[in-house]
Amino acid sequence: MAIPLSGAPAAGAPAPDWNGPVPPDKIVIDVVTVNGSGCPQGTAAVAVSQDNTAFTVTYSEYTAQVGVGAEPTDFRKNCQLNLKVHVPQGFTYGIAQADYRGFAHLQAGATALERARYYFQGMSPTEFVDHTYKGPLNDDWQATDKTEVGAIVYKPCGEFRNFNINTQLRVDAGTSDPKKTTSFITMDSVDGNISTTYHFAWKKC
């Protein structure tokens, strides 16, 4: 059965009380595989926060677009990451919250979609959570997917299961004129300031 997530704006939302005892040792994450039109090889990077409470994924070529200058397949981009999280002995983790950020330039009449889910290898995926945006828009966007405390899925203690992240960006020209205009949504970052953040929920085994 899929685990429900709730989609909500990130701004102004208080962080839920899901963080238990945090492992004292530094967490290491290896990127096992990267697949998808939104993350060509070498364009996605993963980093763990200093306090072990979250990790970030930064993309450098993750843009969906329609209109002038866009290829017919550019309206939809996706990325699947397969990660190996090295967890200190005696601990396990789940994902309590995911924060997605990017930039959108949408003409009047155009729409865009950001979709995401994640799961441990061999376990049921979370449901897809969609965030939609409507033109005219020329601004940063930010979205948060939260899991209720009681619904957080933890990696089974003592088992080796990689963590999978599936994301997708789409743009629809709608009533805008794709022969004269361009609309796009991006989750990439030229300067490294835009990233996706996944917040750990830790538990002792």
N, C-alpha and C. Protein backbone atom coordinates (compact mmCIF):
# COMPACT_ATOMS: atom_id res chain seq x y z
N MET A 1 0.83 -1.19 0.00
CA MET A 1 0.00 0.00 0.00
C MET A 1 0.87 1.25 0.00
N ALA A 2 0.51 2.20 -0.80
CA ALA A 2 1.29 3.44 -0.88
C ALA A 2 1.14 4.26 0.39
N ILE A 3 2.18 4.94 0.76
CA ILE A 3 2.16 5.79 1.95
C ILE A 3 1.74 7.19 1.55
N PRO A 4 0.68 7.75 2.19
CA PRO A 4 0.23 9.08 1.78
C PRO A 4 1.17 10.17 2.24
N LEU A 5 1.32 11.15 1.38
CA LEU A 5 2.06 12.37 1.72
C LEU A 5 1.12 13.54 1.56
N SER A 6 1.38 14.60 2.24
CA SER A 6 0.57 15.80 2.06
C SER A 6 1.42 16.87 1.42
N GLY A 7 0.87 17.52 0.41
CA GLY A 7 1.60 18.61 -0.23
C GLY A 7 1.16 19.93 0.38
N ALA A 8 2.13 20.77 0.72
CA ALA A 8 1.79 22.04 1.35
C ALA A 8 2.87 23.06 1.04
N PRO A 9 2.54 24.34 1.03
CA PRO A 9 3.57 25.36 0.82
C PRO A 9 4.59 25.31 1.93
N ALA A 10 5.84 25.52 1.57
CA ALA A 10 6.90 25.43 2.58
C ALA A 10 6.97 26.69 3.44
N ALA A 11 6.63 27.82 2.85
CA ALA A 11 6.82 29.08 3.56
C ALA A 11 5.93 29.16 4.80
N GLY A 12 6.55 29.49 5.93
CA GLY A 12 5.80 29.75 7.15
C GLY A 12 5.29 28.52 7.87
N ALA A 13 5.59 27.33 7.35
CA ALA A 13 5.07 26.12 7.98
C ALA A 13 6.05 25.66 9.06
N PRO A 14 5.56 25.43 10.30
CA PRO A 14 6.46 24.97 11.36
C PRO A 14 6.92 23.55 11.12
N ALA A 15 8.15 23.26 11.47
CA ALA A 15 8.68 21.90 11.29
C ALA A 15 8.04 20.96 12.29
N PRO A 16 7.59 19.78 11.84
CA PRO A 16 6.99 18.83 12.77
C PRO A 16 8.04 18.24 13.70
N ASP A 17 7.59 17.69 14.80
CA ASP A 17 8.50 17.14 15.79
C ASP A 17 8.77 15.67 15.47
N TRP A 18 9.56 15.42 14.38
CA TRP A 18 9.80 14.05 14.00
C TRP A 18 11.25 13.63 14.18
N ASN A 19 12.11 14.52 14.61
CA ASN A 19 13.51 14.14 14.68
C ASN A 19 13.87 13.56 16.04
N GLY A 20 14.20 12.28 16.06
CA GLY A 20 14.60 11.63 17.29
C GLY A 20 16.08 11.82 17.53
N PRO A 21 16.72 10.89 18.25
CA PRO A 21 18.15 11.01 18.52
C PRO A 21 18.94 10.92 17.21
N VAL A 22 19.79 11.91 16.97
CA VAL A 22 20.55 11.98 15.72
C VAL A 22 21.88 11.24 15.90
N PRO A 23 22.28 10.40 14.94
CA PRO A 23 23.56 9.68 15.04
C PRO A 23 24.73 10.65 15.18
N PRO A 24 25.67 10.34 16.06
CA PRO A 24 26.81 11.23 16.26
C PRO A 24 27.83 11.17 15.13
N ASP A 25 27.89 10.03 14.42
CA ASP A 25 28.86 9.87 13.35
C ASP A 25 28.35 10.47 12.05
N LYS A 26 29.27 10.92 11.22
CA LYS A 26 28.92 11.55 9.96
C LYS A 26 28.27 10.55 9.00
N ILE A 27 27.16 10.96 8.39
CA ILE A 27 26.47 10.12 7.44
C ILE A 27 27.10 10.29 6.06
N VAL A 28 27.26 9.18 5.35
CA VAL A 28 27.79 9.21 3.99
C VAL A 28 26.73 8.67 3.04
N ILE A 29 26.52 9.37 1.92
CA ILE A 29 25.56 8.91 0.92
C ILE A 29 26.28 8.72 -0.41
N ASP A 30 26.17 7.52 -0.97
CA ASP A 30 26.73 7.23 -2.29
C ASP A 30 25.62 7.25 -3.33
N VAL A 31 25.86 7.93 -4.44
CA VAL A 31 24.91 7.90 -5.55
C VAL A 31 25.22 6.67 -6.39
N VAL A 32 24.31 5.68 -6.35
CA VAL A 32 24.54 4.41 -7.04
C VAL A 32 24.22 4.54 -8.52
N THR A 33 23.02 5.03 -8.83
CA THR A 33 22.64 5.25 -10.23
C THR A 33 21.87 6.55 -10.36
N VAL A 34 21.99 7.16 -11.53
CA VAL A 34 21.26 8.37 -11.88
C VAL A 34 20.65 8.15 -13.26
N ASN A 35 19.33 8.21 -13.36
CA ASN A 35 18.67 7.98 -14.64
C ASN A 35 17.63 9.05 -14.89
N GLY A 36 17.49 9.45 -16.15
CA GLY A 36 16.42 10.37 -16.50
C GLY A 36 16.89 11.52 -17.36
N SER A 37 15.94 12.08 -18.11
CA SER A 37 16.24 13.19 -19.01
C SER A 37 16.55 14.47 -18.26
N GLY A 38 16.14 14.55 -16.98
CA GLY A 38 16.37 15.76 -16.20
C GLY A 38 17.69 15.77 -15.46
N CYS A 39 18.40 14.64 -15.49
CA CYS A 39 19.66 14.58 -14.74
C CYS A 39 20.68 13.74 -15.49
N PRO A 40 21.18 14.26 -16.63
CA PRO A 40 22.25 13.56 -17.34
C PRO A 40 23.43 13.29 -16.40
N GLN A 41 24.21 12.29 -16.74
CA GLN A 41 25.34 11.90 -15.89
C GLN A 41 26.20 13.10 -15.53
N GLY A 42 26.49 13.23 -14.23
CA GLY A 42 27.34 14.31 -13.76
C GLY A 42 26.62 15.61 -13.44
N THR A 43 25.28 15.62 -13.54
CA THR A 43 24.54 16.86 -13.31
C THR A 43 23.73 16.86 -12.01
N ALA A 44 23.85 15.80 -11.20
CA ALA A 44 23.15 15.75 -9.91
C ALA A 44 24.17 15.45 -8.82
N ALA A 45 24.14 16.23 -7.74
CA ALA A 45 25.09 16.05 -6.63
C ALA A 45 24.33 15.95 -5.32
N VAL A 46 24.83 15.12 -4.41
CA VAL A 46 24.19 14.90 -3.11
C VAL A 46 25.15 15.29 -2.00
N ALA A 47 24.63 16.00 -1.00
CA ALA A 47 25.45 16.41 0.14
C ALA A 47 24.65 16.26 1.42
N VAL A 48 25.30 15.80 2.49
CA VAL A 48 24.66 15.62 3.80
C VAL A 48 24.93 16.84 4.66
N SER A 49 23.91 17.30 5.39
CA SER A 49 24.09 18.45 6.27
C SER A 49 25.05 18.12 7.41
N GLN A 50 25.69 19.15 7.95
CA GLN A 50 26.68 18.95 9.01
C GLN A 50 26.08 18.29 10.24
N ASP A 51 24.78 18.54 10.49
CA ASP A 51 24.18 18.01 11.73
C ASP A 51 23.43 16.69 11.51
N ASN A 52 23.58 16.09 10.30
CA ASN A 52 22.96 14.79 10.00
C ASN A 52 21.44 14.79 10.02
N THR A 53 20.81 15.96 9.91
CA THR A 53 19.35 16.00 9.95
C THR A 53 18.73 16.03 8.56
N ALA A 54 19.54 16.18 7.51
CA ALA A 54 18.99 16.29 6.16
C ALA A 54 20.08 16.04 5.14
N PHE A 55 19.65 15.81 3.90
CA PHE A 55 20.60 15.82 2.80
C PHE A 55 19.98 16.57 1.63
N THR A 56 20.84 17.13 0.80
CA THR A 56 20.36 17.94 -0.32
C THR A 56 20.79 17.32 -1.65
N VAL A 57 19.94 17.51 -2.66
CA VAL A 57 20.27 17.11 -4.02
C VAL A 57 20.26 18.38 -4.87
N THR A 58 21.36 18.63 -5.57
CA THR A 58 21.47 19.80 -6.44
C THR A 58 21.58 19.35 -7.88
N TYR A 59 20.74 19.92 -8.73
CA TYR A 59 20.74 19.59 -10.16
C TYR A 59 21.29 20.77 -10.96
N SER A 60 21.92 20.47 -12.09
CA SER A 60 22.45 21.56 -12.91
C SER A 60 21.84 21.63 -14.31
N GLU A 61 21.03 20.62 -14.68
CA GLU A 61 20.42 20.65 -16.02
C GLU A 61 18.99 20.12 -15.99
N TYR A 62 18.23 20.50 -14.98
CA TYR A 62 16.89 19.93 -14.80
C TYR A 62 15.85 20.99 -15.17
N THR A 63 15.48 21.07 -16.46
CA THR A 63 14.54 22.08 -16.94
C THR A 63 13.59 21.47 -17.96
N ALA A 64 12.29 21.69 -17.75
CA ALA A 64 11.27 21.32 -18.74
C ALA A 64 10.77 22.61 -19.39
N GLN A 65 10.60 22.58 -20.73
CA GLN A 65 10.18 23.80 -21.40
C GLN A 65 9.38 23.50 -22.66
N VAL A 66 8.58 24.48 -23.07
CA VAL A 66 7.81 24.41 -24.31
C VAL A 66 7.94 25.76 -25.01
N GLY A 67 7.75 25.72 -26.35
CA GLY A 67 7.76 26.97 -27.09
C GLY A 67 9.03 27.17 -27.89
N VAL A 68 9.36 28.41 -28.14
CA VAL A 68 10.50 28.77 -28.97
C VAL A 68 11.80 28.22 -28.36
N GLY A 69 12.55 27.49 -29.17
CA GLY A 69 13.82 26.94 -28.72
C GLY A 69 13.74 25.59 -28.04
N ALA A 70 12.53 25.09 -27.80
CA ALA A 70 12.35 23.81 -27.11
C ALA A 70 12.16 22.67 -28.11
N GLU A 71 12.72 21.51 -27.78
CA GLU A 71 12.48 20.31 -28.56
C GLU A 71 11.12 19.73 -28.17
N PRO A 72 10.50 18.92 -29.05
CA PRO A 72 9.18 18.36 -28.75
C PRO A 72 9.13 17.54 -27.45
N THR A 73 10.26 16.92 -27.06
CA THR A 73 10.28 16.10 -25.85
C THR A 73 10.64 16.88 -24.59
N ASP A 74 10.95 18.17 -24.74
CA ASP A 74 11.41 18.97 -23.60
C ASP A 74 10.31 19.34 -22.61
N PHE A 75 9.04 19.09 -22.97
CA PHE A 75 7.94 19.49 -22.09
C PHE A 75 7.92 18.68 -20.81
N ARG A 76 8.55 17.50 -20.82
CA ARG A 76 8.58 16.65 -19.63
C ARG A 76 10.00 16.18 -19.38
N LYS A 77 10.47 16.38 -18.14
CA LYS A 77 11.78 15.87 -17.73
C LYS A 77 11.61 15.11 -16.42
N ASN A 78 12.42 14.07 -16.25
CA ASN A 78 12.31 13.28 -15.02
C ASN A 78 13.70 12.87 -14.55
N CYS A 79 13.77 12.44 -13.31
CA CYS A 79 15.03 11.98 -12.74
C CYS A 79 14.77 10.93 -11.67
N GLN A 80 15.49 9.84 -11.73
CA GLN A 80 15.45 8.83 -10.67
C GLN A 80 16.85 8.66 -10.10
N LEU A 81 16.96 8.86 -8.80
CA LEU A 81 18.22 8.66 -8.10
C LEU A 81 18.13 7.42 -7.23
N ASN A 82 19.16 6.60 -7.25
CA ASN A 82 19.26 5.44 -6.38
C ASN A 82 20.44 5.69 -5.45
N LEU A 83 20.15 5.83 -4.15
CA LEU A 83 21.17 6.24 -3.18
C LEU A 83 21.44 5.14 -2.15
N LYS A 84 22.70 5.02 -1.77
CA LYS A 84 23.08 4.13 -0.68
C LYS A 84 23.45 5.01 0.51
N VAL A 85 22.64 4.95 1.56
CA VAL A 85 22.87 5.76 2.75
C VAL A 85 23.57 4.90 3.81
N HIS A 86 24.78 5.28 4.15
CA HIS A 86 25.54 4.53 5.16
C HIS A 86 25.17 5.07 6.54
N VAL A 87 24.43 4.26 7.29
CA VAL A 87 23.88 4.66 8.59
C VAL A 87 24.71 4.03 9.71
N PRO A 88 25.09 4.80 10.74
CA PRO A 88 25.82 4.22 11.87
C PRO A 88 25.06 3.08 12.53
N GLN A 89 25.78 2.14 13.07
CA GLN A 89 25.18 0.97 13.72
C GLN A 89 24.25 1.41 14.85
N GLY A 90 23.10 0.76 14.93
CA GLY A 90 22.15 1.07 15.99
C GLY A 90 21.11 2.10 15.61
N PHE A 91 21.18 2.61 14.38
CA PHE A 91 20.21 3.62 13.92
C PHE A 91 19.56 3.19 12.61
N THR A 92 18.37 3.72 12.38
CA THR A 92 17.75 3.63 11.07
C THR A 92 17.06 4.96 10.78
N TYR A 93 16.58 5.12 9.55
CA TYR A 93 16.03 6.42 9.18
C TYR A 93 14.82 6.28 8.27
N GLY A 94 14.02 7.34 8.26
CA GLY A 94 12.96 7.52 7.28
C GLY A 94 13.06 8.95 6.77
N ILE A 95 12.18 9.32 5.86
CA ILE A 95 12.14 10.69 5.35
C ILE A 95 10.85 11.34 5.83
N ALA A 96 10.99 12.40 6.60
CA ALA A 96 9.83 13.05 7.20
C ALA A 96 9.31 14.20 6.34
N GLN A 97 10.20 14.82 5.56
CA GLN A 97 9.80 16.00 4.80
C GLN A 97 10.76 16.21 3.65
N ALA A 98 10.22 16.67 2.53
CA ALA A 98 11.05 17.00 1.37
C ALA A 98 10.69 18.41 0.90
N ASP A 99 11.71 19.23 0.73
CA ASP A 99 11.52 20.62 0.26
C ASP A 99 12.08 20.73 -1.16
N TYR A 100 11.24 21.14 -2.09
CA TYR A 100 11.64 21.28 -3.49
C TYR A 100 11.66 22.77 -3.86
N ARG A 101 12.68 23.16 -4.62
CA ARG A 101 12.81 24.57 -5.01
C ARG A 101 13.24 24.66 -6.46
N GLY A 102 12.91 25.78 -7.08
CA GLY A 102 13.34 26.00 -8.45
C GLY A 102 12.89 27.36 -8.93
N PHE A 103 12.83 27.52 -10.25
CA PHE A 103 12.42 28.77 -10.87
C PHE A 103 11.46 28.44 -11.99
N ALA A 104 10.45 29.31 -12.19
CA ALA A 104 9.49 29.09 -13.28
C ALA A 104 9.28 30.39 -14.05
N HIS A 105 9.26 30.24 -15.36
CA HIS A 105 8.90 31.36 -16.25
C HIS A 105 7.76 30.84 -17.13
N LEU A 106 6.54 31.24 -16.79
CA LEU A 106 5.35 30.75 -17.48
C LEU A 106 4.59 31.90 -18.11
N GLN A 107 4.27 31.75 -19.38
CA GLN A 107 3.44 32.74 -20.06
C GLN A 107 2.00 32.63 -19.57
N ALA A 108 1.22 33.68 -19.78
CA ALA A 108 -0.20 33.64 -19.44
C ALA A 108 -0.85 32.50 -20.21
N GLY A 109 -1.58 31.65 -19.49
CA GLY A 109 -2.24 30.51 -20.11
C GLY A 109 -1.45 29.22 -20.00
N ALA A 110 -0.16 29.29 -19.68
CA ALA A 110 0.67 28.09 -19.54
C ALA A 110 0.61 27.58 -18.10
N THR A 111 0.88 26.29 -17.92
CA THR A 111 0.90 25.68 -16.58
C THR A 111 2.14 24.80 -16.45
N ALA A 112 2.52 24.53 -15.20
CA ALA A 112 3.66 23.65 -14.94
C ALA A 112 3.34 22.74 -13.76
N LEU A 113 4.05 21.63 -13.69
CA LEU A 113 3.83 20.62 -12.66
C LEU A 113 5.17 20.13 -12.13
N GLU A 114 5.26 20.02 -10.80
CA GLU A 114 6.38 19.34 -10.15
C GLU A 114 5.79 18.15 -9.42
N ARG A 115 6.35 16.96 -9.65
CA ARG A 115 5.82 15.72 -9.06
C ARG A 115 6.96 14.94 -8.44
N ALA A 116 6.72 14.31 -7.30
CA ALA A 116 7.80 13.58 -6.64
C ALA A 116 7.25 12.44 -5.78
N ARG A 117 8.07 11.42 -5.62
CA ARG A 117 7.83 10.37 -4.63
C ARG A 117 9.17 9.70 -4.33
N TYR A 118 9.21 8.91 -3.26
CA TYR A 118 10.45 8.23 -2.89
C TYR A 118 10.12 6.95 -2.14
N TYR A 119 11.08 6.03 -2.10
CA TYR A 119 10.81 4.75 -1.45
C TYR A 119 12.11 3.98 -1.24
N PHE A 120 12.07 3.04 -0.29
CA PHE A 120 13.18 2.13 -0.09
C PHE A 120 13.05 0.97 -1.06
N GLN A 121 14.18 0.50 -1.55
CA GLN A 121 14.18 -0.61 -2.49
C GLN A 121 13.42 -1.80 -1.91
N GLY A 122 12.50 -2.36 -2.71
CA GLY A 122 11.74 -3.52 -2.27
C GLY A 122 10.54 -3.20 -1.40
N MET A 123 10.26 -1.91 -1.18
CA MET A 123 9.12 -1.50 -0.35
C MET A 123 8.18 -0.62 -1.19
N SER A 124 6.95 -0.44 -0.71
CA SER A 124 5.97 0.33 -1.47
C SER A 124 6.38 1.78 -1.59
N PRO A 125 6.26 2.35 -2.80
CA PRO A 125 6.56 3.78 -2.97
C PRO A 125 5.53 4.65 -2.27
N THR A 126 5.93 5.86 -1.94
CA THR A 126 4.94 6.84 -1.50
C THR A 126 4.07 7.20 -2.70
N GLU A 127 2.91 7.76 -2.44
CA GLU A 127 2.10 8.26 -3.53
C GLU A 127 2.78 9.46 -4.16
N PHE A 128 2.53 9.66 -5.46
CA PHE A 128 3.03 10.88 -6.09
C PHE A 128 2.34 12.08 -5.47
N VAL A 129 3.10 13.14 -5.22
CA VAL A 129 2.54 14.40 -4.77
C VAL A 129 2.81 15.44 -5.85
N ASP A 130 1.75 16.11 -6.29
CA ASP A 130 1.86 17.09 -7.36
C ASP A 130 1.75 18.51 -6.83
N HIS A 131 2.55 19.40 -7.40
CA HIS A 131 2.43 20.84 -7.15
C HIS A 131 2.32 21.51 -8.50
N THR A 132 1.27 22.30 -8.70
CA THR A 132 1.03 22.93 -9.99
C THR A 132 1.19 24.44 -9.90
N TYR A 133 1.58 25.03 -11.03
CA TYR A 133 1.82 26.46 -11.12
C TYR A 133 1.19 26.99 -12.40
N LYS A 134 0.64 28.19 -12.33
CA LYS A 134 -0.04 28.78 -13.48
C LYS A 134 0.60 30.10 -13.88
N GLY A 135 0.66 30.33 -15.22
CA GLY A 135 1.17 31.60 -15.71
C GLY A 135 0.08 32.65 -15.71
N PRO A 136 0.46 33.94 -15.76
CA PRO A 136 1.84 34.39 -15.89
C PRO A 136 2.61 34.26 -14.58
N LEU A 137 3.86 33.80 -14.69
CA LEU A 137 4.71 33.62 -13.52
C LEU A 137 6.16 33.75 -13.96
N ASN A 138 6.93 34.50 -13.21
CA ASN A 138 8.36 34.64 -13.47
C ASN A 138 9.05 34.81 -12.12
N ASP A 139 9.21 33.69 -11.41
CA ASP A 139 9.67 33.79 -10.02
C ASP A 139 10.17 32.43 -9.54
N ASP A 140 10.87 32.46 -8.38
CA ASP A 140 11.24 31.23 -7.71
C ASP A 140 9.97 30.53 -7.21
N TRP A 141 10.02 29.20 -7.14
CA TRP A 141 8.92 28.45 -6.54
C TRP A 141 9.50 27.53 -5.46
N GLN A 142 8.66 27.19 -4.51
CA GLN A 142 9.07 26.32 -3.41
C GLN A 142 7.87 25.49 -2.98
N ALA A 143 8.08 24.20 -2.75
CA ALA A 143 7.00 23.30 -2.34
C ALA A 143 7.54 22.33 -1.31
N THR A 144 6.68 21.89 -0.41
CA THR A 144 7.06 20.96 0.64
C THR A 144 6.09 19.79 0.69
N ASP A 145 6.65 18.58 0.75
CA ASP A 145 5.86 17.37 0.97
C ASP A 145 6.19 16.85 2.36
N LYS A 146 5.15 16.70 3.19
CA LYS A 146 5.36 16.23 4.56
C LYS A 146 4.67 14.89 4.78
N THR A 147 5.28 14.09 5.64
CA THR A 147 4.68 12.82 6.04
C THR A 147 4.27 12.92 7.51
N GLU A 148 3.05 12.52 7.82
CA GLU A 148 2.62 12.52 9.22
C GLU A 148 3.55 11.62 10.03
N VAL A 149 3.78 12.02 11.29
CA VAL A 149 4.73 11.31 12.14
C VAL A 149 4.45 9.81 12.18
N GLY A 150 3.19 9.44 12.33
CA GLY A 150 2.84 8.03 12.43
C GLY A 150 2.93 7.27 11.13
N ALA A 151 3.09 7.98 10.01
CA ALA A 151 3.13 7.34 8.70
C ALA A 151 4.54 7.29 8.10
N ILE A 152 5.54 7.79 8.83
CA ILE A 152 6.91 7.76 8.31
C ILE A 152 7.36 6.31 8.15
N VAL A 153 7.88 5.99 6.97
CA VAL A 153 8.38 4.64 6.70
C VAL A 153 9.89 4.62 6.97
N TYR A 154 10.30 3.73 7.87
CA TYR A 154 11.72 3.61 8.21
C TYR A 154 12.33 2.40 7.49
N LYS A 155 13.60 2.53 7.14
CA LYS A 155 14.32 1.39 6.59
C LYS A 155 14.41 0.31 7.67
N PRO A 156 14.05 -0.93 7.34
CA PRO A 156 14.12 -1.99 8.36
C PRO A 156 15.52 -2.11 8.94
N CYS A 157 15.60 -2.19 10.26
CA CYS A 157 16.89 -2.28 10.94
C CYS A 157 17.66 -3.51 10.46
N GLY A 158 18.94 -3.30 10.22
CA GLY A 158 19.81 -4.40 9.85
C GLY A 158 19.71 -4.83 8.39
N GLU A 159 18.85 -4.21 7.61
CA GLU A 159 18.71 -4.57 6.20
C GLU A 159 19.37 -3.53 5.31
N PHE A 160 19.92 -3.99 4.19
CA PHE A 160 20.55 -3.07 3.24
C PHE A 160 19.56 -2.79 2.12
N ARG A 161 18.98 -1.61 2.15
CA ARG A 161 18.02 -1.22 1.12
C ARG A 161 18.39 0.17 0.61
N ASN A 162 18.61 0.29 -0.67
CA ASN A 162 18.90 1.60 -1.23
C ASN A 162 17.65 2.46 -1.22
N PHE A 163 17.86 3.76 -1.29
CA PHE A 163 16.77 4.73 -1.25
C PHE A 163 16.59 5.33 -2.64
N ASN A 164 15.36 5.29 -3.15
CA ASN A 164 15.05 5.79 -4.49
C ASN A 164 14.25 7.08 -4.42
N ILE A 165 14.62 8.04 -5.27
CA ILE A 165 13.90 9.31 -5.39
C ILE A 165 13.46 9.47 -6.84
N ASN A 166 12.17 9.65 -7.07
CA ASN A 166 11.63 9.91 -8.40
C ASN A 166 11.06 11.32 -8.45
N THR A 167 11.51 12.14 -9.38
CA THR A 167 10.94 13.47 -9.55
C THR A 167 10.63 13.70 -11.02
N GLN A 168 9.73 14.66 -11.26
CA GLN A 168 9.32 14.96 -12.62
C GLN A 168 8.91 16.43 -12.74
N LEU A 169 9.26 17.05 -13.86
CA LEU A 169 8.82 18.40 -14.17
C LEU A 169 8.10 18.37 -15.51
N ARG A 170 6.98 19.12 -15.60
CA ARG A 170 6.24 19.20 -16.87
C ARG A 170 5.78 20.63 -17.12
N VAL A 171 5.69 20.99 -18.39
CA VAL A 171 5.13 22.28 -18.77
C VAL A 171 4.12 22.06 -19.89
N ASP A 172 2.99 22.75 -19.79
CA ASP A 172 1.96 22.70 -20.83
C ASP A 172 1.73 24.12 -21.33
N ALA A 173 1.82 24.30 -22.64
CA ALA A 173 1.65 25.64 -23.21
C ALA A 173 0.25 26.18 -22.98
N GLY A 174 -0.75 25.29 -22.86
CA GLY A 174 -2.12 25.74 -22.60
C GLY A 174 -2.60 26.68 -23.69
N THR A 175 -3.10 27.83 -23.28
CA THR A 175 -3.61 28.80 -24.25
C THR A 175 -2.55 29.80 -24.71
N SER A 176 -1.32 29.66 -24.20
CA SER A 176 -0.24 30.53 -24.68
C SER A 176 0.18 30.08 -26.08
N ASP A 177 0.93 30.91 -26.80
CA ASP A 177 1.34 30.61 -28.17
C ASP A 177 2.78 30.09 -28.18
N PRO A 178 2.98 28.76 -28.31
CA PRO A 178 4.33 28.21 -28.25
C PRO A 178 5.17 28.56 -29.48
N LYS A 179 4.55 29.11 -30.53
CA LYS A 179 5.32 29.52 -31.71
C LYS A 179 5.98 30.88 -31.52
N LYS A 180 5.50 31.62 -30.51
CA LYS A 180 6.04 32.96 -30.29
C LYS A 180 6.65 33.14 -28.90
N THR A 181 6.34 32.24 -27.97
CA THR A 181 6.80 32.41 -26.58
C THR A 181 7.45 31.13 -26.07
N THR A 182 8.10 31.24 -24.94
CA THR A 182 8.71 30.09 -24.26
C THR A 182 8.26 30.08 -22.80
N SER A 183 7.89 28.91 -22.30
CA SER A 183 7.59 28.73 -20.88
C SER A 183 8.47 27.59 -20.37
N PHE A 184 8.95 27.73 -19.11
CA PHE A 184 9.76 26.65 -18.56
C PHE A 184 9.64 26.61 -17.04
N ILE A 185 9.96 25.44 -16.50
CA ILE A 185 10.11 25.26 -15.04
C ILE A 185 11.41 24.50 -14.83
N THR A 186 12.15 24.93 -13.82
CA THR A 186 13.45 24.31 -13.59
C THR A 186 13.64 23.94 -12.12
N MET A 187 14.37 22.87 -11.89
CA MET A 187 14.77 22.50 -10.55
C MET A 187 16.30 22.47 -10.49
N ASP A 188 16.93 23.16 -11.45
CA ASP A 188 18.39 23.15 -11.46
C ASP A 188 18.93 24.41 -10.82
N SER A 189 20.24 24.46 -10.67
CA SER A 189 20.87 25.56 -9.97
C SER A 189 22.21 25.87 -10.60
N VAL A 190 22.34 27.07 -11.16
CA VAL A 190 23.60 27.48 -11.76
C VAL A 190 24.62 27.83 -10.67
N ASP A 191 24.13 28.46 -9.61
CA ASP A 191 25.05 28.94 -8.57
C ASP A 191 25.07 28.05 -7.32
N GLY A 192 24.32 26.94 -7.35
CA GLY A 192 24.33 26.03 -6.21
C GLY A 192 23.42 26.43 -5.08
N ASN A 193 22.65 27.51 -5.25
CA ASN A 193 21.78 27.98 -4.17
C ASN A 193 20.41 27.31 -4.19
N ILE A 194 20.06 26.67 -5.29
CA ILE A 194 18.76 26.00 -5.37
C ILE A 194 18.99 24.50 -5.23
N SER A 195 18.35 23.89 -4.26
CA SER A 195 18.51 22.45 -4.07
C SER A 195 17.25 21.86 -3.46
N THR A 196 17.12 20.56 -3.60
CA THR A 196 16.05 19.81 -2.97
C THR A 196 16.58 19.27 -1.65
N THR A 197 15.81 19.42 -0.58
CA THR A 197 16.26 18.99 0.75
C THR A 197 15.34 17.90 1.29
N TYR A 198 15.93 16.79 1.71
CA TYR A 198 15.19 15.69 2.32
C TYR A 198 15.58 15.62 3.80
N HIS A 199 14.57 15.69 4.67
CA HIS A 199 14.81 15.74 6.11
C HIS A 199 14.69 14.34 6.71
N PHE A 200 15.76 13.91 7.39
CA PHE A 200 15.77 12.60 8.03
C PHE A 200 14.85 12.58 9.25
N ALA A 201 14.23 11.45 9.48
CA ALA A 201 13.63 11.12 10.78
C ALA A 201 14.42 9.92 11.30
N TRP A 202 15.15 10.09 12.38
CA TRP A 202 16.02 9.03 12.90
C TRP A 202 15.32 8.22 13.98
N LYS A 203 15.72 6.97 14.10
CA LYS A 203 15.16 6.09 15.13
C LYS A 203 16.23 5.09 15.52
N LYS A 204 16.31 4.81 16.82
CA LYS A 204 17.26 3.79 17.27
C LYS A 204 16.67 2.40 17.06
N CYS A 205 17.52 1.48 16.64
CA CYS A 205 17.07 0.10 16.40
C CYS A 205 17.00 -0.69 17.71
